[in-house]
Amino acid sequence: MIVTGIDPGLARLGYGVIRVERGVAVPVCYGCIETPAGTRAGERLLLISNELESLFDRFPPDALAMEKLFFSRNTTSAMGVSEVRGVVLLTAEKRKIPVTEYTPNQIKQAITGSGRADKAQMQEMITRLLRLDEIPKPDDAADGLSIALCHIHVMR
């Protein structure tokens, strides 16, 4: 089974791909899809869609997990993230990939055992749980792995 985790963002979308082999989570790849500032919104969304299609072609996911949108202050960035979430949902739906969403607290709880874990604790746990040599960079890629691993833990 392959699970792709998505941390949606307009400037930088983090992703992590994890394969479950005989009950063990094995990282396949992780990274970011970045879009240039100053580019028209439609172009940025098209770039994200095309890059997701390419990622899904290389590593066809059985499930996709995505962080739920939560913004209390910056409505401008919330709108951009909402548009990206729509692109992710549409791209997944075109391939009939089931999507599950998790709140930040659910992800932290699944990875560290505490819904109050900070970013450093999350990164350290992801590095340990996936037996990585170093903390995944940038942060958005580490978040993508965390979201995928959260889904794997919840599905067990």
C-alpha atoms as a PDB file:
ATOM      1  CA  MET A   1       0.000   0.000   0.000  1.00  0.00           C
ATOM      2  CA  ILE A   2       1.240   3.495  -0.874  1.00  0.00           C
ATOM      3  CA  VAL A   3       0.056   6.570   1.050  1.00  0.00           C
ATOM      4  CA  THR A   4       0.793  10.128  -0.053  1.00  0.00           C
ATOM      5  CA  GLY A   5       0.625  12.890   2.547  1.00  0.00           C
ATOM      6  CA  ILE A   6      -0.018  16.470   1.445  1.00  0.00           C
ATOM      7  CA  ASP A   7       0.646  19.698   3.351  1.00  0.00           C
ATOM      8  CA  PRO A   8      -1.201  22.154   1.080  1.00  0.00           C
ATOM      9  CA  GLY A   9       0.220  25.578   0.294  1.00  0.00           C
ATOM     10  CA  LEU A  10       0.240  27.908  -2.686  1.00  0.00           C
ATOM     11  CA  ALA A  11       3.899  28.929  -2.498  1.00  0.00           C
ATOM     12  CA  ARG A  12       5.068  25.517  -1.282  1.00  0.00           C
ATOM     13  CA  LEU A  13       3.112  22.265  -1.140  1.00  0.00           C
ATOM     14  CA  GLY A  14       4.841  19.609   0.933  1.00  0.00           C
ATOM     15  CA  TYR A  15       4.427  15.933   0.127  1.00  0.00           C
ATOM     16  CA  GLY A  16       5.589  12.629   1.495  1.00  0.00           C
ATOM     17  CA  VAL A  17       5.131   9.195  -0.045  1.00  0.00           C
ATOM     18  CA  ILE A  18       5.270   6.137   2.211  1.00  0.00           C
ATOM     19  CA  ARG A  19       4.910   2.479   1.246  1.00  0.00           C
ATOM     20  CA  VAL A  20       3.728  -0.052   3.797  1.00  0.00           C
ATOM     21  CA  GLU A  21       5.616  -3.340   3.344  1.00  0.00           C
ATOM     22  CA  ARG A  22       4.709  -6.242   5.650  1.00  0.00           C
ATOM     23  CA  GLY A  23       3.369  -3.786   8.218  1.00  0.00           C
ATOM     24  CA  VAL A  24       6.451  -1.538   8.116  1.00  0.00           C
ATOM     25  CA  ALA A  25       6.289   2.074   6.910  1.00  0.00           C
ATOM     26  CA  VAL A  26       9.059   2.727   4.373  1.00  0.00           C
ATOM     27  CA  PRO A  27       9.642   6.246   3.030  1.00  0.00           C
ATOM     28  CA  VAL A  28       9.632   6.353  -0.772  1.00  0.00           C
ATOM     29  CA  CYS A  29      10.169  10.051  -1.452  1.00  0.00           C
ATOM     30  CA  TYR A  30       9.375  13.487  -0.097  1.00  0.00           C
ATOM     31  CA  GLY A  31       9.749  17.056  -1.205  1.00  0.00           C
ATOM     32  CA  CYS A  32       7.915  20.206  -2.207  1.00  0.00           C
ATOM     33  CA  ILE A  33       6.117  21.602  -5.178  1.00  0.00           C
ATOM     34  CA  GLU A  34       7.049  25.274  -5.286  1.00  0.00           C
ATOM     35  CA  THR A  35       5.358  27.977  -7.325  1.00  0.00           C
ATOM     36  CA  PRO A  36       6.961  31.327  -8.110  1.00  0.00           C
ATOM     37  CA  ALA A  37       5.646  34.430  -6.355  1.00  0.00           C
ATOM     38  CA  GLY A  38       4.237  37.003  -8.728  1.00  0.00           C
ATOM     39  CA  THR A  39       2.861  34.337 -11.069  1.00  0.00           C
ATOM     40  CA  ARG A  40      -0.856  34.422 -11.837  1.00  0.00           C
ATOM     41  CA  ALA A  41      -2.899  32.294  -9.440  1.00  0.00           C
ATOM     42  CA  GLY A  42      -4.232  30.117 -12.249  1.00  0.00           C
ATOM     43  CA  GLU A  43      -0.709  29.352 -13.452  1.00  0.00           C
ATOM     44  CA  ARG A  44       0.368  28.412  -9.935  1.00  0.00           C
ATOM     45  CA  LEU A  45      -2.603  26.074  -9.512  1.00  0.00           C
ATOM     46  CA  LEU A  46      -1.948  24.480 -12.906  1.00  0.00           C
ATOM     47  CA  LEU A  47       1.693  23.905 -11.963  1.00  0.00           C
ATOM     48  CA  ILE A  48       0.611  22.222  -8.718  1.00  0.00           C
ATOM     49  CA  SER A  49      -1.880  20.027 -10.572  1.00  0.00           C
ATOM     50  CA  ASN A  50       0.686  19.000 -13.190  1.00  0.00           C
ATOM     51  CA  GLU A  51       3.313  18.197 -10.550  1.00  0.00           C
ATOM     52  CA  LEU A  52       0.804  16.153  -8.538  1.00  0.00           C
ATOM     53  CA  GLU A  53      -0.139  14.222 -11.684  1.00  0.00           C
ATOM     54  CA  SER A  54       3.548  13.472 -12.243  1.00  0.00           C
ATOM     55  CA  LEU A  55       4.000  12.367  -8.615  1.00  0.00           C
ATOM     56  CA  PHE A  56       0.931  10.103  -8.871  1.00  0.00           C
ATOM     57  CA  ASP A  57       2.265   8.643 -12.135  1.00  0.00           C
ATOM     58  CA  ARG A  58       5.593   7.746 -10.491  1.00  0.00           C
ATOM     59  CA  PHE A  59       4.121   6.475  -7.217  1.00  0.00           C
ATOM     60  CA  PRO A  60       0.400   5.656  -7.633  1.00  0.00           C
ATOM     61  CA  PRO A  61      -1.133   6.110  -4.180  1.00  0.00           C
ATOM     62  CA  ASP A  62      -3.755   3.836  -2.707  1.00  0.00           C
ATOM     63  CA  ALA A  63      -4.711   6.655  -0.333  1.00  0.00           C
ATOM     64  CA  LEU A  64      -4.041  10.352   0.063  1.00  0.00           C
ATOM     65  CA  ALA A  65      -4.002  12.146   3.414  1.00  0.00           C
ATOM     66  CA  MET A  66      -4.147  15.926   3.670  1.00  0.00           C
ATOM     67  CA  GLU A  67      -3.993  18.427   6.480  1.00  0.00           C
ATOM     68  CA  LYS A  68      -7.310  20.149   7.182  1.00  0.00           C
ATOM     69  CA  LEU A  69      -7.370  23.881   6.674  1.00  0.00           C
ATOM     70  CA  PHE A  70      -7.188  25.912   9.862  1.00  0.00           C
ATOM     71  CA  PHE A  71      -6.632  29.658   9.802  1.00  0.00           C
ATOM     72  CA  SER A  72      -7.688  32.096  12.459  1.00  0.00           C
ATOM     73  CA  ARG A  73      -6.082  35.293  11.203  1.00  0.00           C
ATOM     74  CA  ASN A  74      -4.668  35.494   7.679  1.00  0.00           C
ATOM     75  CA  THR A  75      -7.654  35.139   5.363  1.00  0.00           C
ATOM     76  CA  THR A  76      -5.577  36.029   2.292  1.00  0.00           C
ATOM     77  CA  SER A  77      -3.311  32.997   2.634  1.00  0.00           C
ATOM     78  CA  ALA A  78      -6.333  30.900   3.671  1.00  0.00           C
ATOM     79  CA  MET A  79      -7.939  31.603   0.297  1.00  0.00           C
ATOM     80  CA  GLY A  80      -4.818  30.475  -1.578  1.00  0.00           C
ATOM     81  CA  VAL A  81      -4.531  27.320   0.495  1.00  0.00           C
ATOM     82  CA  SER A  82      -8.237  26.621  -0.068  1.00  0.00           C
ATOM     83  CA  GLU A  83      -7.700  26.854  -3.819  1.00  0.00           C
ATOM     84  CA  VAL A  84      -4.739  24.464  -3.594  1.00  0.00           C
ATOM     85  CA  ARG A  85      -6.812  22.037  -1.543  1.00  0.00           C
ATOM     86  CA  GLY A  86      -9.410  22.121  -4.315  1.00  0.00           C
ATOM     87  CA  VAL A  87      -6.738  21.259  -6.891  1.00  0.00           C
ATOM     88  CA  VAL A  88      -5.477  18.386  -4.722  1.00  0.00           C
ATOM     89  CA  LEU A  89      -8.998  17.031  -4.220  1.00  0.00           C
ATOM     90  CA  LEU A  90      -9.787  17.288  -7.941  1.00  0.00           C
ATOM     91  CA  THR A  91      -6.503  15.675  -9.005  1.00  0.00           C
ATOM     92  CA  ALA A  92      -7.065  12.801  -6.574  1.00  0.00           C
ATOM     93  CA  GLU A  93     -10.708  12.381  -7.591  1.00  0.00           C
ATOM     94  CA  LYS A  94      -9.784  12.125 -11.277  1.00  0.00           C
ATOM     95  CA  ARG A  95      -7.767   9.025 -10.321  1.00  0.00           C
ATOM     96  CA  LYS A  96     -10.294   7.720  -7.783  1.00  0.00           C
ATOM     97  CA  ILE A  97      -7.762   8.093  -4.945  1.00  0.00           C
ATOM     98  CA  PRO A  98      -9.556   8.227  -1.580  1.00  0.00           C
ATOM     99  CA  VAL A  99      -8.701  11.341   0.448  1.00  0.00           C
ATOM    100  CA  THR A 100      -8.751  11.593   4.245  1.00  0.00           C
ATOM    101  CA  GLU A 101      -8.183  14.841   6.103  1.00  0.00           C
ATOM    102  CA  TYR A 102      -6.606  15.323   9.525  1.00  0.00           C
ATOM    103  CA  THR A 103      -6.356  18.317  11.829  1.00  0.00           C
ATOM    104  CA  PRO A 104      -2.908  19.437  12.973  1.00  0.00           C
ATOM    105  CA  ASN A 105      -3.664  18.108  16.466  1.00  0.00           C
ATOM    106  CA  GLN A 106      -4.671  14.685  15.107  1.00  0.00           C
ATOM    107  CA  ILE A 107      -1.399  14.498  13.168  1.00  0.00           C
ATOM    108  CA  LYS A 108       0.680  15.498  16.198  1.00  0.00           C
ATOM    109  CA  GLN A 109      -1.165  12.986  18.385  1.00  0.00           C
ATOM    110  CA  ALA A 110      -0.599  10.143  15.903  1.00  0.00           C
ATOM    111  CA  ILE A 111       3.119  10.877  15.498  1.00  0.00           C
ATOM    112  CA  THR A 112       4.237  11.939  18.984  1.00  0.00           C
ATOM    113  CA  GLY A 113       1.411  10.883  21.283  1.00  0.00           C
ATOM    114  CA  SER A 114       0.714  14.531  22.132  1.00  0.00           C
ATOM    115  CA  GLY A 115      -1.517  16.967  20.278  1.00  0.00           C
ATOM    116  CA  ARG A 116       0.662  19.771  21.660  1.00  0.00           C
ATOM    117  CA  ALA A 117       3.965  18.664  20.113  1.00  0.00           C
ATOM    118  CA  ASP A 118       6.064  21.392  18.518  1.00  0.00           C
ATOM    119  CA  LYS A 119       7.634  21.288  15.068  1.00  0.00           C
ATOM    120  CA  ALA A 120      11.025  20.093  16.381  1.00  0.00           C
ATOM    121  CA  GLN A 121       9.417  17.170  18.239  1.00  0.00           C
ATOM    122  CA  MET A 122       7.454  16.218  15.135  1.00  0.00           C
ATOM    123  CA  GLN A 123      10.542  16.288  12.930  1.00  0.00           C
ATOM    124  CA  GLU A 124      12.556  14.225  15.396  1.00  0.00           C
ATOM    125  CA  MET A 125       9.822  11.583  15.647  1.00  0.00           C
ATOM    126  CA  ILE A 126       9.385  11.357  11.866  1.00  0.00           C
ATOM    127  CA  THR A 127      13.133  10.885  11.505  1.00  0.00           C
ATOM    128  CA  ARG A 128      13.099   8.080  14.087  1.00  0.00           C
ATOM    129  CA  LEU A 129       9.889   6.359  12.992  1.00  0.00           C
ATOM    130  CA  LEU A 130      10.928   6.276   9.333  1.00  0.00           C
ATOM    131  CA  ARG A 131      14.578   5.470  10.134  1.00  0.00           C
ATOM    132  CA  LEU A 132      15.860   8.463   8.173  1.00  0.00           C
ATOM    133  CA  ASP A 133      19.484   9.592   8.372  1.00  0.00           C
ATOM    134  CA  GLU A 134      18.493  13.219   8.876  1.00  0.00           C
ATOM    135  CA  ILE A 135      15.478  15.424   9.476  1.00  0.00           C
ATOM    136  CA  PRO A 136      13.590  15.902   6.196  1.00  0.00           C
ATOM    137  CA  LYS A 137      13.958  19.378   4.730  1.00  0.00           C
ATOM    138  CA  PRO A 138      12.221  21.681   4.113  1.00  0.00           C
ATOM    139  CA  ASP A 139       9.646  21.648   6.907  1.00  0.00           C
ATOM    140  CA  ASP A 140       6.774  21.262   4.443  1.00  0.00           C
ATOM    141  CA  ALA A 141       8.225  17.964   3.182  1.00  0.00           C
ATOM    142  CA  ALA A 142       8.555  16.698   6.762  1.00  0.00           C
ATOM    143  CA  ASP A 143       4.921  17.700   7.299  1.00  0.00           C
ATOM    144  CA  GLY A 144       3.905  15.707   4.216  1.00  0.00           C
ATOM    145  CA  LEU A 145       5.604  12.611   5.641  1.00  0.00           C
ATOM    146  CA  SER A 146       3.932  13.219   9.021  1.00  0.00           C
ATOM    147  CA  ILE A 147       0.507  13.408   7.417  1.00  0.00           C
ATOM    148  CA  ALA A 148       1.067  10.179   5.461  1.00  0.00           C
ATOM    149  CA  LEU A 149       2.339   8.375   8.561  1.00  0.00           C
ATOM    150  CA  CYS A 150      -0.609   9.685  10.580  1.00  0.00           C
ATOM    151  CA  HIS A 151      -2.959   8.070   8.066  1.00  0.00           C
ATOM    152  CA  ILE A 152      -1.082   4.789   8.230  1.00  0.00           C
ATOM    153  CA  HIS A 153      -1.313   4.773  12.038  1.00  0.00           C
ATOM    154  CA  VAL A 154      -5.016   5.620  11.999  1.00  0.00           C
ATOM    155  CA  MET A 155      -5.749   2.898   9.423  1.00  0.00           C
ATOM    156  CA  ARG A 156      -4.059   0.260  11.603  1.00  0.00           C
END
